[in-house]
Amino acid sequence: MELPRDQLAVLEAATDDEQPVEDIAEATALAPETVTGAAFELAERDLLAVSEATHERVSLTEEGADY
């Protein structure tokens, strides 16, 4: 099976540990959007596992700080 260039680059940059898309984008010099697309295509071929996480952050407002 021959993979497109972007998918091959993502597959070669991936490790056994979970990595943020941004890390793979930096390692491959690909845009994060390109890495994401390639990762999902590789996942469809069972060559890569993709997990999604949402990061929520909180911070005090001025009123909260004064309270």
Protein backbone atom coordinates (compact mmCIF):
# COMPACT_ATOMS: atom_id res chain seq x y z
CA MET A 1 0.00 0.00 0.00
CA GLU A 2 1.39 3.38 -0.97
CA LEU A 3 0.44 6.36 1.19
CA PRO A 4 0.18 9.99 0.11
CA ARG A 5 3.16 12.13 1.14
CA ASP A 6 1.36 13.92 4.01
CA GLN A 7 0.04 10.68 5.50
CA LEU A 8 3.47 9.07 5.27
CA ALA A 9 5.08 12.06 6.99
CA VAL A 10 2.54 11.90 9.84
CA LEU A 11 2.94 8.14 10.21
CA GLU A 12 6.73 8.45 10.36
CA ALA A 13 6.56 11.27 12.93
CA ALA A 14 4.09 9.42 15.19
CA THR A 15 5.32 7.55 18.24
CA ASP A 16 3.79 5.01 20.61
CA ASP A 17 2.94 7.87 23.00
CA GLU A 18 0.06 10.26 22.42
CA GLN A 19 1.23 13.46 20.79
CA PRO A 20 -0.53 16.75 20.18
CA VAL A 21 -1.21 17.58 16.55
CA GLU A 22 0.95 20.68 16.98
CA ASP A 23 4.00 18.53 17.82
CA ILE A 24 3.57 16.41 14.70
CA ALA A 25 2.95 19.53 12.61
CA GLU A 26 6.21 21.01 13.87
CA ALA A 27 8.13 17.78 13.26
CA THR A 28 6.80 17.41 9.71
CA ALA A 29 6.60 21.09 8.71
CA LEU A 30 2.94 20.50 7.81
CA ALA A 31 0.02 22.70 8.81
CA PRO A 32 -1.93 21.43 11.84
CA GLU A 33 -5.02 21.11 9.64
CA THR A 34 -3.09 18.91 7.22
CA VAL A 35 -1.83 16.73 10.07
CA THR A 36 -5.36 16.36 11.43
CA GLY A 37 -6.73 15.31 8.06
CA ALA A 38 -3.91 12.85 7.47
CA ALA A 39 -4.31 11.42 10.98
CA PHE A 40 -8.02 10.73 10.47
CA GLU A 41 -7.32 9.12 7.10
CA LEU A 42 -4.63 6.93 8.70
CA ALA A 43 -7.05 6.03 11.48
CA GLU A 44 -9.57 4.85 8.87
CA ARG A 45 -6.87 2.45 7.62
CA ASP A 46 -6.16 1.29 11.21
CA LEU A 47 -2.60 2.63 11.00
CA LEU A 48 -2.97 5.32 13.65
CA ALA A 49 -5.20 5.88 16.67
CA VAL A 50 -6.74 9.32 17.10
CA SER A 51 -8.06 10.58 20.41
CA GLU A 52 -9.72 13.91 20.96
CA ALA A 53 -9.52 16.05 24.07
CA THR A 54 -11.10 19.32 25.02
CA HIS A 55 -9.15 21.66 27.22
CA GLU A 56 -11.10 24.16 29.23
CA ARG A 57 -9.44 26.94 31.14
CA VAL A 58 -10.79 29.26 33.78
CA SER A 59 -9.55 32.55 35.13
CA LEU A 60 -10.77 35.07 37.63
CA THR A 61 -12.68 38.07 36.49
CA GLU A 62 -12.02 41.42 38.13
CA GLU A 63 -15.16 40.98 40.23
CA GLY A 64 -14.11 37.47 41.25
CA ALA A 65 -10.68 38.71 42.32
CA ASP A 66 -12.27 41.46 44.43
CA TYR A 67 -14.66 39.01 46.11
